[in-house]
Amino acid sequence: MSEAGQEQTPQPQLTVGQDASVVPVADRAAARIAAGDDHHAVALWLAEFRASPQTLRAYRREAERLLLWLGEQGSRRIPPATRS
């Protein structure tokens, strides 16, 4: 149970896919990951690091923590971001 007395819904573990779907735009730095929800977006982002297992493991751990925290905050979502 969380502090507010509500039972937490377990979040699925992030699965890293083989294809990161990035929607190209005129400005490459503003490319967005095409995903239907935060879990899918994070999984696609993590797929970019599959060639570096240690980085992938560290980023996955922190991304899972972020998603769990967002879930505890109610209906909060990851805000849109651009690459710089």
PDB file of N, CA and C in Angstrom:
ATOM      1  N   MET A   1       0.833  -1.182   0.000  1.00  0.00           N
ATOM      2  CA  MET A   1       0.000   0.000   0.000  1.00  0.00           C
ATOM      3  C   MET A   1       0.876   1.244   0.000  1.00  0.00           C
ATOM      4  N   SER A   2       0.449   2.279  -0.703  1.00  0.00           N
ATOM      5  CA  SER A   2       1.174   3.541  -0.734  1.00  0.00           C
ATOM      6  C   SER A   2       0.796   4.365   0.484  1.00  0.00           C
ATOM      7  N   GLU A   3       1.448   5.512   0.628  1.00  0.00           N
ATOM      8  CA  GLU A   3       1.188   6.376   1.764  1.00  0.00           C
ATOM      9  C   GLU A   3      -0.252   6.851   1.810  1.00  0.00           C
ATOM     10  N   ALA A   4      -0.869   7.033   0.672  1.00  0.00           N
ATOM     11  CA  ALA A   4      -2.243   7.530   0.617  1.00  0.00           C
ATOM     12  C   ALA A   4      -3.254   6.425   0.885  1.00  0.00           C
ATOM     13  N   GLY A   5      -2.787   5.205   1.180  1.00  0.00           N
ATOM     14  CA  GLY A   5      -3.684   4.107   1.463  1.00  0.00           C
ATOM     15  C   GLY A   5      -4.202   3.400   0.237  1.00  0.00           C
ATOM     16  N   GLN A   6      -3.643   3.711  -0.914  1.00  0.00           N
ATOM     17  CA  GLN A   6      -4.071   3.068  -2.147  1.00  0.00           C
ATOM     18  C   GLN A   6      -3.071   1.994  -2.519  1.00  0.00           C
ATOM     19  N   GLU A   7      -3.571   0.901  -3.018  1.00  0.00           N
ATOM     20  CA  GLU A   7      -2.704  -0.183  -3.448  1.00  0.00           C
ATOM     21  C   GLU A   7      -2.036   0.189  -4.762  1.00  0.00           C
ATOM     22  N   GLN A   8      -0.718  -0.043  -4.838  1.00  0.00           N
ATOM     23  CA  GLN A   8       0.014   0.282  -6.056  1.00  0.00           C
ATOM     24  C   GLN A   8      -0.202  -0.792  -7.102  1.00  0.00           C
ATOM     25  N   THR A   9      -0.355  -0.358  -8.338  1.00  0.00           N
ATOM     26  CA  THR A   9      -0.472  -1.267  -9.453  1.00  0.00           C
ATOM     27  C   THR A   9       0.929  -1.585  -9.945  1.00  0.00           C
ATOM     28  N   PRO A  10       1.308  -2.875  -9.992  1.00  0.00           N
ATOM     29  CA  PRO A  10       2.653  -3.188 -10.471  1.00  0.00           C
ATOM     30  C   PRO A  10       2.822  -2.786 -11.924  1.00  0.00           C
ATOM     31  N   GLN A  11       3.957  -2.166 -12.219  1.00  0.00           N
ATOM     32  CA  GLN A  11       4.259  -1.742 -13.575  1.00  0.00           C
ATOM     33  C   GLN A  11       4.996  -2.861 -14.290  1.00  0.00           C
ATOM     34  N   PRO A  12       4.706  -3.074 -15.564  1.00  0.00           N
ATOM     35  CA  PRO A  12       5.428  -4.116 -16.302  1.00  0.00           C
ATOM     36  C   PRO A  12       6.889  -3.725 -16.464  1.00  0.00           C
ATOM     37  N   GLN A  13       7.755  -4.747 -16.464  1.00  0.00           N
ATOM     38  CA  GLN A  13       9.177  -4.479 -16.687  1.00  0.00           C
ATOM     39  C   GLN A  13       9.364  -4.024 -18.124  1.00  0.00           C
ATOM     40  N   LEU A  14      10.263  -3.079 -18.308  1.00  0.00           N
ATOM     41  CA  LEU A  14      10.507  -2.552 -19.642  1.00  0.00           C
ATOM     42  C   LEU A  14      11.208  -3.586 -20.497  1.00  0.00           C
ATOM     43  N   THR A  15      10.699  -3.799 -21.682  1.00  0.00           N
ATOM     44  CA  THR A  15      11.296  -4.710 -22.639  1.00  0.00           C
ATOM     45  C   THR A  15      11.883  -3.881 -23.767  1.00  0.00           C
ATOM     46  N   VAL A  16      13.156  -4.096 -24.026  1.00  0.00           N
ATOM     47  CA  VAL A  16      13.834  -3.325 -25.060  1.00  0.00           C
ATOM     48  C   VAL A  16      13.618  -4.003 -26.396  1.00  0.00           C
ATOM     49  N   GLY A  17      13.009  -3.277 -27.330  1.00  0.00           N
ATOM     50  CA  GLY A  17      12.741  -3.815 -28.655  1.00  0.00           C
ATOM     51  C   GLY A  17      13.949  -3.720 -29.564  1.00  0.00           C
ATOM     52  N   GLN A  18      13.840  -4.309 -30.717  1.00  0.00           N
ATOM     53  CA  GLN A  18      14.928  -4.300 -31.681  1.00  0.00           C
ATOM     54  C   GLN A  18      14.891  -3.079 -32.590  1.00  0.00           C
ATOM     55  N   ASP A  19      13.733  -2.426 -32.687  1.00  0.00           N
ATOM     56  CA  ASP A  19      13.641  -1.288 -33.597  1.00  0.00           C
ATOM     57  C   ASP A  19      13.124  -0.060 -32.859  1.00  0.00           C
ATOM     58  N   ALA A  20      13.926   0.951 -32.822  1.00  0.00           N
ATOM     59  CA  ALA A  20      13.514   2.207 -32.219  1.00  0.00           C
ATOM     60  C   ALA A  20      12.841   3.029 -33.303  1.00  0.00           C
ATOM     61  N   SER A  21      11.573   3.315 -33.106  1.00  0.00           N
ATOM     62  CA  SER A  21      10.796   4.033 -34.107  1.00  0.00           C
ATOM     63  C   SER A  21      10.861   5.530 -33.826  1.00  0.00           C
ATOM     64  N   VAL A  22      11.649   6.229 -34.593  1.00  0.00           N
ATOM     65  CA  VAL A  22      11.789   7.673 -34.427  1.00  0.00           C
ATOM     66  C   VAL A  22      11.179   8.356 -35.637  1.00  0.00           C
ATOM     67  N   VAL A  23      10.288   9.298 -35.371  1.00  0.00           N
ATOM     68  CA  VAL A  23       9.627  10.030 -36.442  1.00  0.00           C
ATOM     69  C   VAL A  23      10.532  11.172 -36.879  1.00  0.00           C
ATOM     70  N   PRO A  24      10.994  11.175 -38.148  1.00  0.00           N
ATOM     71  CA  PRO A  24      11.863  12.270 -38.591  1.00  0.00           C
ATOM     72  C   PRO A  24      11.071  13.558 -38.786  1.00  0.00           C
ATOM     73  N   VAL A  25      11.723  14.656 -38.501  1.00  0.00           N
ATOM     74  CA  VAL A  25      11.132  15.968 -38.728  1.00  0.00           C
ATOM     75  C   VAL A  25      12.174  16.819 -39.438  1.00  0.00           C
ATOM     76  N   ALA A  26      11.800  18.026 -39.826  1.00  0.00           N
ATOM     77  CA  ALA A  26      12.739  18.895 -40.546  1.00  0.00           C
ATOM     78  C   ALA A  26      14.010  19.129 -39.737  1.00  0.00           C
ATOM     79  N   ASP A  27      13.872  19.346 -38.441  1.00  0.00           N
ATOM     80  CA  ASP A  27      15.023  19.559 -37.563  1.00  0.00           C
ATOM     81  C   ASP A  27      15.303  18.254 -36.830  1.00  0.00           C
ATOM     82  N   ARG A  28      16.403  17.598 -37.139  1.00  0.00           N
ATOM     83  CA  ARG A  28      16.738  16.290 -36.544  1.00  0.00           C
ATOM     84  C   ARG A  28      16.765  16.349 -35.023  1.00  0.00           C
ATOM     85  N   ALA A  29      17.193  17.487 -34.454  1.00  0.00           N
ATOM     86  CA  ALA A  29      17.267  17.608 -32.998  1.00  0.00           C
ATOM     87  C   ALA A  29      15.882  17.578 -32.355  1.00  0.00           C
ATOM     88  N   ALA A  30      14.843  17.814 -33.133  1.00  0.00           N
ATOM     89  CA  ALA A  30      13.498  17.836 -32.587  1.00  0.00           C
ATOM     90  C   ALA A  30      12.749  16.528 -32.851  1.00  0.00           C
ATOM     91  N   ALA A  31      13.451  15.469 -33.276  1.00  0.00           N
ATOM     92  CA  ALA A  31      12.793  14.188 -33.564  1.00  0.00           C
ATOM     93  C   ALA A  31      12.111  13.654 -32.311  1.00  0.00           C
ATOM     94  N   ARG A  32      10.969  13.059 -32.513  1.00  0.00           N
ATOM     95  CA  ARG A  32      10.194  12.486 -31.413  1.00  0.00           C
ATOM     96  C   ARG A  32      10.093  10.978 -31.600  1.00  0.00           C
ATOM     97  N   ILE A  33      10.079  10.261 -30.484  1.00  0.00           N
ATOM     98  CA  ILE A  33       9.865   8.818 -30.529  1.00  0.00           C
ATOM     99  C   ILE A  33       8.367   8.590 -30.714  1.00  0.00           C
ATOM    100  N   ALA A  34       7.999   7.772 -31.685  1.00  0.00           N
ATOM    101  CA  ALA A  34       6.587   7.474 -31.948  1.00  0.00           C
ATOM    102  C   ALA A  34       6.153   6.336 -31.034  1.00  0.00           C
ATOM    103  N   ALA A  35       5.407   6.689 -29.995  1.00  0.00           N
ATOM    104  CA  ALA A  35       4.958   5.687 -29.029  1.00  0.00           C
ATOM    105  C   ALA A  35       3.575   6.073 -28.523  1.00  0.00           C
ATOM    106  N   GLY A  36       2.815   5.055 -28.144  1.00  0.00           N
ATOM    107  CA  GLY A  36       1.463   5.287 -27.660  1.00  0.00           C
ATOM    108  C   GLY A  36       1.382   5.649 -26.192  1.00  0.00           C
ATOM    109  N   ASP A  37       2.414   5.289 -25.415  1.00  0.00           N
ATOM    110  CA  ASP A  37       2.402   5.599 -23.993  1.00  0.00           C
ATOM    111  C   ASP A  37       3.828   5.727 -23.477  1.00  0.00           C
ATOM    112  N   ASP A  38       3.962   6.113 -22.224  1.00  0.00           N
ATOM    113  CA  ASP A  38       5.289   6.342 -21.646  1.00  0.00           C
ATOM    114  C   ASP A  38       6.142   5.078 -21.622  1.00  0.00           C
ATOM    115  N   HIS A  39       5.546   3.935 -21.276  1.00  0.00           N
ATOM    116  CA  HIS A  39       6.317   2.686 -21.221  1.00  0.00           C
ATOM    117  C   HIS A  39       6.905   2.345 -22.587  1.00  0.00           C
ATOM    118  N   HIS A  40       6.096   2.494 -23.614  1.00  0.00           N
ATOM    119  CA  HIS A  40       6.556   2.198 -24.970  1.00  0.00           C
ATOM    120  C   HIS A  40       7.641   3.185 -25.397  1.00  0.00           C
ATOM    121  N   ALA A  41       7.455   4.463 -25.077  1.00  0.00           N
ATOM    122  CA  ALA A  41       8.447   5.477 -25.430  1.00  0.00           C
ATOM    123  C   ALA A  41       9.789   5.195 -24.757  1.00  0.00           C
ATOM    124  N   VAL A  42       9.751   4.833 -23.480  1.00  0.00           N
ATOM    125  CA  VAL A  42      10.992   4.534 -22.761  1.00  0.00           C
ATOM    126  C   VAL A  42      11.648   3.287 -23.332  1.00  0.00           C
ATOM    127  N   ALA A  43      10.858   2.260 -23.653  1.00  0.00           N
ATOM    128  CA  ALA A  43      11.418   1.033 -24.233  1.00  0.00           C
ATOM    129  C   ALA A  43      12.097   1.322 -25.574  1.00  0.00           C
ATOM    130  N   LEU A  44      11.482   2.155 -26.392  1.00  0.00           N
ATOM    131  CA  LEU A  44      12.084   2.514 -27.678  1.00  0.00           C
ATOM    132  C   LEU A  44      13.361   3.327 -27.480  1.00  0.00           C
ATOM    133  N   TRP A  45      13.333   4.232 -26.517  1.00  0.00           N
ATOM    134  CA  TRP A  45      14.529   5.019 -26.221  1.00  0.00           C
ATOM    135  C   TRP A  45      15.656   4.116 -25.724  1.00  0.00           C
ATOM    136  N   LEU A  46      15.322   3.178 -24.840  1.00  0.00           N
ATOM    137  CA  LEU A  46      16.335   2.264 -24.317  1.00  0.00           C
ATOM    138  C   LEU A  46      16.936   1.388 -25.418  1.00  0.00           C
ATOM    139  N   ALA A  47      16.163   1.086 -26.453  1.00  0.00           N
ATOM    140  CA  ALA A  47      16.658   0.243 -27.547  1.00  0.00           C
ATOM    141  C   ALA A  47      17.876   0.864 -28.219  1.00  0.00           C
ATOM    142  N   GLU A  48      18.010   2.166 -28.128  1.00  0.00           N
ATOM    143  CA  GLU A  48      19.164   2.841 -28.727  1.00  0.00           C
ATOM    144  C   GLU A  48      20.471   2.468 -28.025  1.00  0.00           C
ATOM    145  N   PHE A  49      20.389   1.911 -26.820  1.00  0.00           N
ATOM    146  CA  PHE A  49      21.575   1.612 -26.030  1.00  0.00           C
ATOM    147  C   PHE A  49      21.852   0.115 -25.919  1.00  0.00           C
ATOM    148  N   ARG A  50      21.197  -0.699 -26.744  1.00  0.00           N
ATOM    149  CA  ARG A  50      21.360  -2.145 -26.632  1.00  0.00           C
ATOM    150  C   ARG A  50      22.779  -2.608 -26.956  1.00  0.00           C
ATOM    151  N   ALA A  51      23.570  -1.815 -27.664  1.00  0.00           N
ATOM    152  CA  ALA A  51      24.953  -2.188 -27.972  1.00  0.00           C
ATOM    153  C   ALA A  51      25.880  -1.961 -26.776  1.00  0.00           C
ATOM    154  N   SER A  52      25.389  -1.275 -25.764  1.00  0.00           N
ATOM    155  CA  SER A  52      26.174  -0.994 -24.560  1.00  0.00           C
ATOM    156  C   SER A  52      25.428  -1.547 -23.345  1.00  0.00           C
ATOM    157  N   PRO A  53      25.648  -2.821 -22.988  1.00  0.00           N
ATOM    158  CA  PRO A  53      24.872  -3.466 -21.927  1.00  0.00           C
ATOM    159  C   PRO A  53      24.907  -2.757 -20.572  1.00  0.00           C
ATOM    160  N   GLN A  54      26.054  -2.232 -20.196  1.00  0.00           N
ATOM    161  CA  GLN A  54      26.125  -1.559 -18.888  1.00  0.00           C
ATOM    162  C   GLN A  54      25.314  -0.272 -18.886  1.00  0.00           C
ATOM    163  N   THR A  55      25.401   0.500 -19.953  1.00  0.00           N
ATOM    164  CA  THR A  55      24.611   1.724 -20.060  1.00  0.00           C
ATOM    165  C   THR A  55      23.130   1.384 -20.095  1.00  0.00           C
ATOM    166  N   LEU A  56      22.770   0.384 -20.887  1.00  0.00           N
ATOM    167  CA  LEU A  56      21.373  -0.040 -20.983  1.00  0.00           C
ATOM    168  C   LEU A  56      20.831  -0.447 -19.618  1.00  0.00           C
ATOM    169  N   ARG A  57      21.592  -1.230 -18.879  1.00  0.00           N
ATOM    170  CA  ARG A  57      21.160  -1.688 -17.557  1.00  0.00           C
ATOM    171  C   ARG A  57      20.942  -0.496 -16.616  1.00  0.00           C
ATOM    172  N   ALA A  58      21.879   0.448 -16.614  1.00  0.00           N
ATOM    173  CA  ALA A  58      21.764   1.616 -15.736  1.00  0.00           C
ATOM    174  C   ALA A  58      20.579   2.500 -16.138  1.00  0.00           C
ATOM    175  N   TYR A  59      20.434   2.754 -17.425  1.00  0.00           N
ATOM    176  CA  TYR A  59      19.329   3.593 -17.894  1.00  0.00           C
ATOM    177  C   TYR A  59      17.986   2.918 -17.649  1.00  0.00           C
ATOM    178  N   ARG A  60      17.917   1.599 -17.856  1.00  0.00           N
ATOM    179  CA  ARG A  60      16.660   0.876 -17.619  1.00  0.00           C
ATOM    180  C   ARG A  60      16.262   0.991 -16.155  1.00  0.00           C
ATOM    181  N   ARG A  61      17.214   0.817 -15.254  1.00  0.00           N
ATOM    182  CA  ARG A  61      16.928   0.903 -13.820  1.00  0.00           C
ATOM    183  C   ARG A  61      16.352   2.281 -13.470  1.00  0.00           C
ATOM    184  N   GLU A  62      16.990   3.334 -13.969  1.00  0.00           N
ATOM    185  CA  GLU A  62      16.524   4.683 -13.655  1.00  0.00           C
ATOM    186  C   GLU A  62      15.190   4.997 -14.332  1.00  0.00           C
ATOM    187  N   ALA A  63      14.998   4.507 -15.544  1.00  0.00           N
ATOM    188  CA  ALA A  63      13.723   4.731 -16.243  1.00  0.00           C
ATOM    189  C   ALA A  63      12.582   4.029 -15.518  1.00  0.00           C
ATOM    190  N   GLU A  64      12.826   2.815 -15.022  1.00  0.00           N
ATOM    191  CA  GLU A  64      11.797   2.099 -14.271  1.00  0.00           C
ATOM    192  C   GLU A  64      11.442   2.856 -13.002  1.00  0.00           C
ATOM    193  N   ARG A  65      12.445   3.415 -12.337  1.00  0.00           N
ATOM    194  CA  ARG A  65      12.182   4.220 -11.137  1.00  0.00           C
ATOM    195  C   ARG A  65      11.338   5.443 -11.480  1.00  0.00           C
ATOM    196  N   LEU A  66      11.667   6.109 -12.587  1.00  0.00           N
ATOM    197  CA  LEU A  66      10.901   7.277 -13.006  1.00  0.00           C
ATOM    198  C   LEU A  66       9.448   6.905 -13.283  1.00  0.00           C
ATOM    199  N   LEU A  67       9.232   5.806 -14.012  1.00  0.00           N
ATOM    200  CA  LEU A  67       7.866   5.395 -14.343  1.00  0.00           C
ATOM    201  C   LEU A  67       7.082   5.009 -13.089  1.00  0.00           C
ATOM    202  N   LEU A  68       7.737   4.352 -12.138  1.00  0.00           N
ATOM    203  CA  LEU A  68       7.060   4.009 -10.883  1.00  0.00           C
ATOM    204  C   LEU A  68       6.682   5.271 -10.117  1.00  0.00           C
ATOM    205  N   TRP A  69       7.596   6.234 -10.071  1.00  0.00           N
ATOM    206  CA  TRP A  69       7.313   7.488  -9.376  1.00  0.00           C
ATOM    207  C   TRP A  69       6.155   8.225 -10.046  1.00  0.00           C
ATOM    208  N   LEU A  70       6.176   8.286 -11.369  1.00  0.00           N
ATOM    209  CA  LEU A  70       5.081   8.945 -12.085  1.00  0.00           C
ATOM    210  C   LEU A  70       3.753   8.262 -11.793  1.00  0.00           C
ATOM    211  N   GLY A  71       3.774   6.927 -11.716  1.00  0.00           N
ATOM    212  CA  GLY A  71       2.553   6.195 -11.395  1.00  0.00           C
ATOM    213  C   GLY A  71       2.019   6.524 -10.018  1.00  0.00           C
ATOM    214  N   GLU A  72       2.922   6.742  -9.069  1.00  0.00           N
ATOM    215  CA  GLU A  72       2.509   7.103  -7.716  1.00  0.00           C
ATOM    216  C   GLU A  72       1.941   8.512  -7.651  1.00  0.00           C
ATOM    217  N   GLN A  73       2.291   9.351  -8.608  1.00  0.00           N
ATOM    218  CA  GLN A  73       1.836  10.735  -8.625  1.00  0.00           C
ATOM    219  C   GLN A  73       0.456  10.879  -9.262  1.00  0.00           C
ATOM    220  N   GLY A  74      -0.155   9.787  -9.629  1.00  0.00           N
ATOM    221  CA  GLY A  74      -1.473   9.853 -10.256  1.00  0.00           C
ATOM    222  C   GLY A  74      -1.356   9.728 -11.759  1.00  0.00           C
ATOM    223  N   SER A  75      -1.929  10.662 -12.462  1.00  0.00           N
ATOM    224  CA  SER A  75      -1.959  10.577 -13.927  1.00  0.00           C
ATOM    225  C   SER A  75      -0.831  11.368 -14.578  1.00  0.00           C
ATOM    226  N   ARG A  76       0.280  11.558 -13.887  1.00  0.00           N
ATOM    227  CA  ARG A  76       1.400  12.307 -14.464  1.00  0.00           C
ATOM    228  C   ARG A  76       2.071  11.483 -15.538  1.00  0.00           C
ATOM    229  N   ARG A  77       2.600  12.180 -16.541  1.00  0.00           N
ATOM    230  CA  ARG A  77       3.259  11.532 -17.680  1.00  0.00           C
ATOM    231  C   ARG A  77       4.614  12.167 -17.904  1.00  0.00           C
ATOM    232  N   ILE A  78       5.433  11.500 -18.690  1.00  0.00           N
ATOM    233  CA  ILE A  78       6.719  12.062 -19.070  1.00  0.00           C
ATOM    234  C   ILE A  78       6.454  13.183 -20.064  1.00  0.00           C
ATOM    235  N   PRO A  79       6.972  14.383 -19.810  1.00  0.00           N
ATOM    236  CA  PRO A  79       6.733  15.481 -20.743  1.00  0.00           C
ATOM    237  C   PRO A  79       7.501  15.293 -22.040  1.00  0.00           C
ATOM    238  N   PRO A  80       7.019  15.878 -23.133  1.00  0.00           N
ATOM    239  CA  PRO A  80       7.738  15.798 -24.396  1.00  0.00           C
ATOM    240  C   PRO A  80       9.142  16.408 -24.242  1.00  0.00           C
ATOM    241  N   ALA A  81      10.102  15.816 -24.915  1.00  0.00           N
ATOM    242  CA  ALA A  81      11.472  16.314 -24.851  1.00  0.00           C
ATOM    243  C   ALA A  81      12.097  16.229 -26.237  1.00  0.00           C
ATOM    244  N   THR A  82      13.090  17.040 -26.454  1.00  0.00           N
ATOM    245  CA  THR A  82      13.835  16.997 -27.715  1.00  0.00           C
ATOM    246  C   THR A  82      15.277  16.625 -27.420  1.00  0.00           C
ATOM    247  N   ARG A  83      15.952  16.131 -28.420  1.00  0.00           N
ATOM    248  CA  ARG A  83      17.375  15.803 -28.284  1.00  0.00           C
ATOM    249  C   ARG A  83      18.178  17.074 -28.484  1.00  0.00           C
ATOM    250  N   SER A  84      19.240  17.193 -27.727  1.00  0.00           N
ATOM    251  CA  SER A  84      20.089  18.372 -27.921  1.00  0.00           C
ATOM    252  C   SER A  84      21.514  17.966 -28.172  1.00  0.00           C
TER     253      SER A  84
END
